[in-house]
Amino acid sequence: RALNERMTHLYRLELQKVMGTYTERRLDHAQNLWRRWANAECEFRNGPPDWQNAAWSTRQDDCLSGMIRSRIAQLDGFLHCSGATCPPK
């Protein structure tokens, strides 16, 4: 939960930075697709959902945590980018 909150916080900060530009729409679209992809990727790795199986739930949570950590690093990079390292506006 804390990781998800951190990711959401960074996403909102980046969204504020690009508010009112075409980049705002692209970022919003990318974040929505990223969430769908992360869930699908972890389900692919762990097999179909089996909410009665504690081991499956743990693997799924671990997978999503790893995905969120990677996304946090990406969003943090966007926030602190300069010049050519920034996404195009």
N, C-alpha and C. Protein backbone atom coordinates (compact mmCIF):
# COMPACT_ATOMS: atom_id res chain seq x y z
N ARG A 1 0.82 -1.20 0.00
CA ARG A 1 0.00 0.00 0.00
C ARG A 1 0.86 1.26 0.00
N ALA A 2 1.92 1.26 0.80
CA ALA A 2 2.80 2.44 0.86
C ALA A 2 3.46 2.68 -0.49
N LEU A 3 3.85 1.60 -1.17
CA LEU A 3 4.48 1.76 -2.49
C LEU A 3 3.49 2.37 -3.48
N ASN A 4 2.27 1.89 -3.45
CA ASN A 4 1.25 2.41 -4.36
C ASN A 4 0.98 3.89 -4.07
N GLU A 5 0.96 4.26 -2.80
CA GLU A 5 0.76 5.66 -2.43
C GLU A 5 1.92 6.52 -2.92
N ARG A 6 3.14 6.01 -2.79
CA ARG A 6 4.32 6.75 -3.26
C ARG A 6 4.25 6.95 -4.78
N MET A 7 3.90 5.88 -5.50
CA MET A 7 3.79 5.97 -6.95
C MET A 7 2.72 6.99 -7.34
N THR A 8 1.58 6.95 -6.68
CA THR A 8 0.50 7.88 -6.98
C THR A 8 0.92 9.31 -6.69
N HIS A 9 1.63 9.52 -5.60
CA HIS A 9 2.12 10.86 -5.25
C HIS A 9 3.06 11.40 -6.34
N LEU A 10 4.01 10.59 -6.77
CA LEU A 10 4.95 11.02 -7.82
C LEU A 10 4.22 11.27 -9.13
N TYR A 11 3.27 10.42 -9.45
CA TYR A 11 2.48 10.60 -10.67
C TYR A 11 1.75 11.94 -10.63
N ARG A 12 1.13 12.24 -9.51
CA ARG A 12 0.39 13.51 -9.40
C ARG A 12 1.32 14.72 -9.48
N LEU A 13 2.51 14.61 -8.88
CA LEU A 13 3.48 15.70 -8.99
C LEU A 13 3.88 15.93 -10.45
N GLU A 14 4.14 14.85 -11.16
CA GLU A 14 4.52 14.97 -12.57
C GLU A 14 3.34 15.51 -13.38
N LEU A 15 2.15 15.07 -13.06
CA LEU A 15 0.96 15.55 -13.76
C LEU A 15 0.80 17.06 -13.57
N GLN A 16 1.03 17.55 -12.35
CA GLN A 16 0.96 18.99 -12.10
C GLN A 16 1.99 19.74 -12.93
N LYS A 17 3.16 19.14 -13.09
CA LYS A 17 4.24 19.78 -13.84
C LYS A 17 3.87 19.98 -15.30
N VAL A 18 3.09 19.07 -15.86
CA VAL A 18 2.76 19.13 -17.29
C VAL A 18 1.30 19.54 -17.54
N MET A 19 0.61 19.97 -16.49
CA MET A 19 -0.80 20.34 -16.58
C MET A 19 -1.03 21.34 -17.71
N GLY A 20 -2.07 21.07 -18.50
CA GLY A 20 -2.45 21.98 -19.56
C GLY A 20 -1.68 21.79 -20.86
N THR A 21 -0.82 20.78 -20.92
CA THR A 21 -0.06 20.52 -22.15
C THR A 21 -0.49 19.17 -22.72
N TYR A 22 -0.09 18.93 -23.94
CA TYR A 22 -0.37 17.63 -24.56
C TYR A 22 0.28 16.50 -23.76
N THR A 23 1.40 16.81 -23.12
CA THR A 23 2.11 15.81 -22.31
C THR A 23 1.23 15.31 -21.17
N GLU A 24 0.35 16.15 -20.65
CA GLU A 24 -0.56 15.73 -19.58
C GLU A 24 -1.40 14.54 -20.04
N ARG A 25 -1.98 14.64 -21.22
CA ARG A 25 -2.80 13.54 -21.75
C ARG A 25 -1.96 12.29 -21.98
N ARG A 26 -0.75 12.48 -22.52
CA ARG A 26 0.12 11.33 -22.78
C ARG A 26 0.52 10.64 -21.48
N LEU A 27 0.84 11.42 -20.45
CA LEU A 27 1.21 10.84 -19.16
C LEU A 27 0.04 10.08 -18.55
N ASP A 28 -1.14 10.66 -18.58
CA ASP A 28 -2.32 10.01 -18.03
C ASP A 28 -2.60 8.70 -18.75
N HIS A 29 -2.52 8.73 -20.07
CA HIS A 29 -2.74 7.53 -20.88
C HIS A 29 -1.68 6.46 -20.56
N ALA A 30 -0.44 6.90 -20.48
CA ALA A 30 0.66 5.96 -20.19
C ALA A 30 0.50 5.32 -18.82
N GLN A 31 0.09 6.10 -17.82
CA GLN A 31 -0.08 5.56 -16.47
C GLN A 31 -1.20 4.53 -16.44
N ASN A 32 -2.30 4.83 -17.11
CA ASN A 32 -3.41 3.86 -17.16
C ASN A 32 -2.99 2.57 -17.85
N LEU A 33 -2.29 2.69 -18.97
CA LEU A 33 -1.80 1.49 -19.66
C LEU A 33 -0.78 0.75 -18.81
N TRP A 34 0.08 1.50 -18.11
CA TRP A 34 1.09 0.86 -17.27
C TRP A 34 0.40 0.01 -16.20
N ARG A 35 -0.62 0.53 -15.55
CA ARG A 35 -1.33 -0.24 -14.51
C ARG A 35 -1.91 -1.53 -15.08
N ARG A 36 -2.55 -1.43 -16.23
CA ARG A 36 -3.12 -2.63 -16.87
C ARG A 36 -2.02 -3.62 -17.21
N TRP A 37 -0.91 -3.12 -17.78
CA TRP A 37 0.20 -3.99 -18.16
C TRP A 37 0.80 -4.68 -16.93
N ALA A 38 1.04 -3.93 -15.86
CA ALA A 38 1.65 -4.52 -14.66
C ALA A 38 0.78 -5.64 -14.10
N ASN A 39 -0.52 -5.42 -14.03
CA ASN A 39 -1.42 -6.47 -13.54
C ASN A 39 -1.40 -7.69 -14.46
N ALA A 40 -1.44 -7.44 -15.77
CA ALA A 40 -1.43 -8.55 -16.73
C ALA A 40 -0.10 -9.31 -16.69
N GLU A 41 1.00 -8.59 -16.58
CA GLU A 41 2.33 -9.22 -16.54
C GLU A 41 2.46 -10.11 -15.31
N CYS A 42 2.02 -9.62 -14.16
CA CYS A 42 2.12 -10.44 -12.95
C CYS A 42 1.18 -11.64 -13.01
N GLU A 43 0.01 -11.46 -13.59
CA GLU A 43 -0.90 -12.60 -13.74
C GLU A 43 -0.31 -13.63 -14.70
N PHE A 44 0.35 -13.17 -15.75
CA PHE A 44 1.02 -14.08 -16.67
C PHE A 44 2.10 -14.88 -15.93
N ARG A 45 2.88 -14.20 -15.12
CA ARG A 45 3.97 -14.86 -14.39
C ARG A 45 3.46 -15.85 -13.35
N ASN A 46 2.34 -15.52 -12.71
CA ASN A 46 1.86 -16.32 -11.58
C ASN A 46 0.70 -17.24 -11.91
N GLY A 47 0.20 -17.16 -13.13
CA GLY A 47 -0.93 -17.99 -13.50
C GLY A 47 -2.24 -17.30 -13.19
N PRO A 48 -3.34 -17.94 -13.55
CA PRO A 48 -4.65 -17.32 -13.35
C PRO A 48 -4.91 -17.04 -11.87
N PRO A 49 -5.73 -16.04 -11.59
CA PRO A 49 -6.02 -15.69 -10.20
C PRO A 49 -6.57 -16.87 -9.41
N ASP A 50 -6.05 -17.04 -8.22
CA ASP A 50 -6.52 -18.07 -7.30
C ASP A 50 -6.52 -17.43 -5.92
N TRP A 51 -7.56 -16.64 -5.65
CA TRP A 51 -7.61 -15.85 -4.42
C TRP A 51 -7.71 -16.71 -3.17
N GLN A 52 -8.05 -17.98 -3.32
CA GLN A 52 -8.12 -18.89 -2.17
C GLN A 52 -6.74 -19.41 -1.79
N ASN A 53 -5.77 -19.22 -2.68
CA ASN A 53 -4.42 -19.74 -2.49
C ASN A 53 -3.52 -18.62 -1.98
N ALA A 54 -3.11 -18.73 -0.71
CA ALA A 54 -2.28 -17.69 -0.10
C ALA A 54 -0.94 -17.53 -0.82
N ALA A 55 -0.38 -18.64 -1.31
CA ALA A 55 0.91 -18.57 -2.02
C ALA A 55 0.77 -17.76 -3.30
N TRP A 56 -0.34 -17.96 -4.04
CA TRP A 56 -0.55 -17.18 -5.26
C TRP A 56 -0.67 -15.70 -4.93
N SER A 57 -1.44 -15.37 -3.91
CA SER A 57 -1.62 -13.97 -3.51
C SER A 57 -0.30 -13.33 -3.13
N THR A 58 0.54 -14.07 -2.42
CA THR A 58 1.85 -13.55 -2.02
C THR A 58 2.72 -13.30 -3.23
N ARG A 59 2.75 -14.26 -4.16
CA ARG A 59 3.54 -14.08 -5.39
C ARG A 59 3.04 -12.89 -6.19
N GLN A 60 1.74 -12.75 -6.28
CA GLN A 60 1.15 -11.64 -7.03
C GLN A 60 1.52 -10.30 -6.37
N ASP A 61 1.41 -10.23 -5.06
CA ASP A 61 1.77 -9.01 -4.33
C ASP A 61 3.24 -8.67 -4.52
N ASP A 62 4.10 -9.69 -4.44
CA ASP A 62 5.54 -9.47 -4.63
C ASP A 62 5.85 -8.97 -6.04
N CYS A 63 5.19 -9.56 -7.02
CA CYS A 63 5.39 -9.16 -8.40
C CYS A 63 4.97 -7.71 -8.60
N LEU A 64 3.78 -7.37 -8.13
CA LEU A 64 3.28 -6.00 -8.29
C LEU A 64 4.15 -5.00 -7.54
N SER A 65 4.66 -5.39 -6.38
CA SER A 65 5.56 -4.51 -5.63
C SER A 65 6.81 -4.20 -6.44
N GLY A 66 7.36 -5.21 -7.08
CA GLY A 66 8.53 -4.99 -7.92
C GLY A 66 8.23 -4.08 -9.10
N MET A 67 7.07 -4.29 -9.72
CA MET A 67 6.66 -3.44 -10.84
C MET A 67 6.49 -1.99 -10.38
N ILE A 68 5.87 -1.81 -9.23
CA ILE A 68 5.63 -0.46 -8.71
C ILE A 68 6.95 0.22 -8.37
N ARG A 69 7.90 -0.52 -7.80
CA ARG A 69 9.22 0.06 -7.51
C ARG A 69 9.88 0.58 -8.79
N SER A 70 9.77 -0.19 -9.86
CA SER A 70 10.33 0.24 -11.15
C SER A 70 9.62 1.49 -11.66
N ARG A 71 8.31 1.53 -11.53
CA ARG A 71 7.56 2.69 -12.00
C ARG A 71 7.88 3.92 -11.16
N ILE A 72 8.07 3.74 -9.86
CA ILE A 72 8.47 4.85 -8.99
C ILE A 72 9.78 5.45 -9.49
N ALA A 73 10.73 4.60 -9.84
CA ALA A 73 12.02 5.09 -10.34
C ALA A 73 11.83 5.87 -11.64
N GLN A 74 10.95 5.37 -12.52
CA GLN A 74 10.68 6.09 -13.78
C GLN A 74 10.06 7.46 -13.51
N LEU A 75 9.03 7.49 -12.68
CA LEU A 75 8.35 8.75 -12.38
C LEU A 75 9.28 9.73 -11.69
N ASP A 76 10.12 9.23 -10.80
CA ASP A 76 11.10 10.09 -10.13
C ASP A 76 12.08 10.66 -11.15
N GLY A 77 12.46 9.86 -12.12
CA GLY A 77 13.34 10.33 -13.19
C GLY A 77 12.68 11.42 -14.02
N PHE A 78 11.39 11.27 -14.30
CA PHE A 78 10.67 12.30 -15.05
C PHE A 78 10.64 13.62 -14.26
N LEU A 79 10.41 13.51 -12.95
CA LEU A 79 10.32 14.71 -12.11
C LEU A 79 11.64 15.48 -12.06
N HIS A 80 12.74 14.76 -12.09
CA HIS A 80 14.06 15.38 -11.91
C HIS A 80 14.87 15.39 -13.20
N CYS A 81 14.21 15.30 -14.33
CA CYS A 81 14.92 15.28 -15.60
C CYS A 81 15.35 16.68 -16.01
N SER A 82 16.26 16.72 -16.97
CA SER A 82 16.65 18.01 -17.55
C SER A 82 17.07 17.77 -18.99
N GLY A 83 16.70 18.71 -19.83
CA GLY A 83 17.10 18.65 -21.23
C GLY A 83 16.59 17.42 -21.94
N ALA A 84 17.52 16.73 -22.60
CA ALA A 84 17.17 15.59 -23.44
C ALA A 84 16.68 14.38 -22.65
N THR A 85 16.86 14.37 -21.33
CA THR A 85 16.40 13.22 -20.54
C THR A 85 14.91 13.31 -20.22
N CYS A 86 14.29 14.46 -20.51
CA CYS A 86 12.86 14.64 -20.24
C CYS A 86 12.03 14.12 -21.40
N PRO A 87 10.83 13.62 -21.10
CA PRO A 87 9.92 13.26 -22.19
C PRO A 87 9.60 14.52 -23.00
N PRO A 88 9.39 14.40 -24.31
CA PRO A 88 9.07 15.58 -25.12
C PRO A 88 7.75 16.21 -24.71
N LYS A 89 7.70 17.51 -24.80
CA LYS A 89 6.46 18.23 -24.45
C LYS A 89 5.66 18.39 -25.70
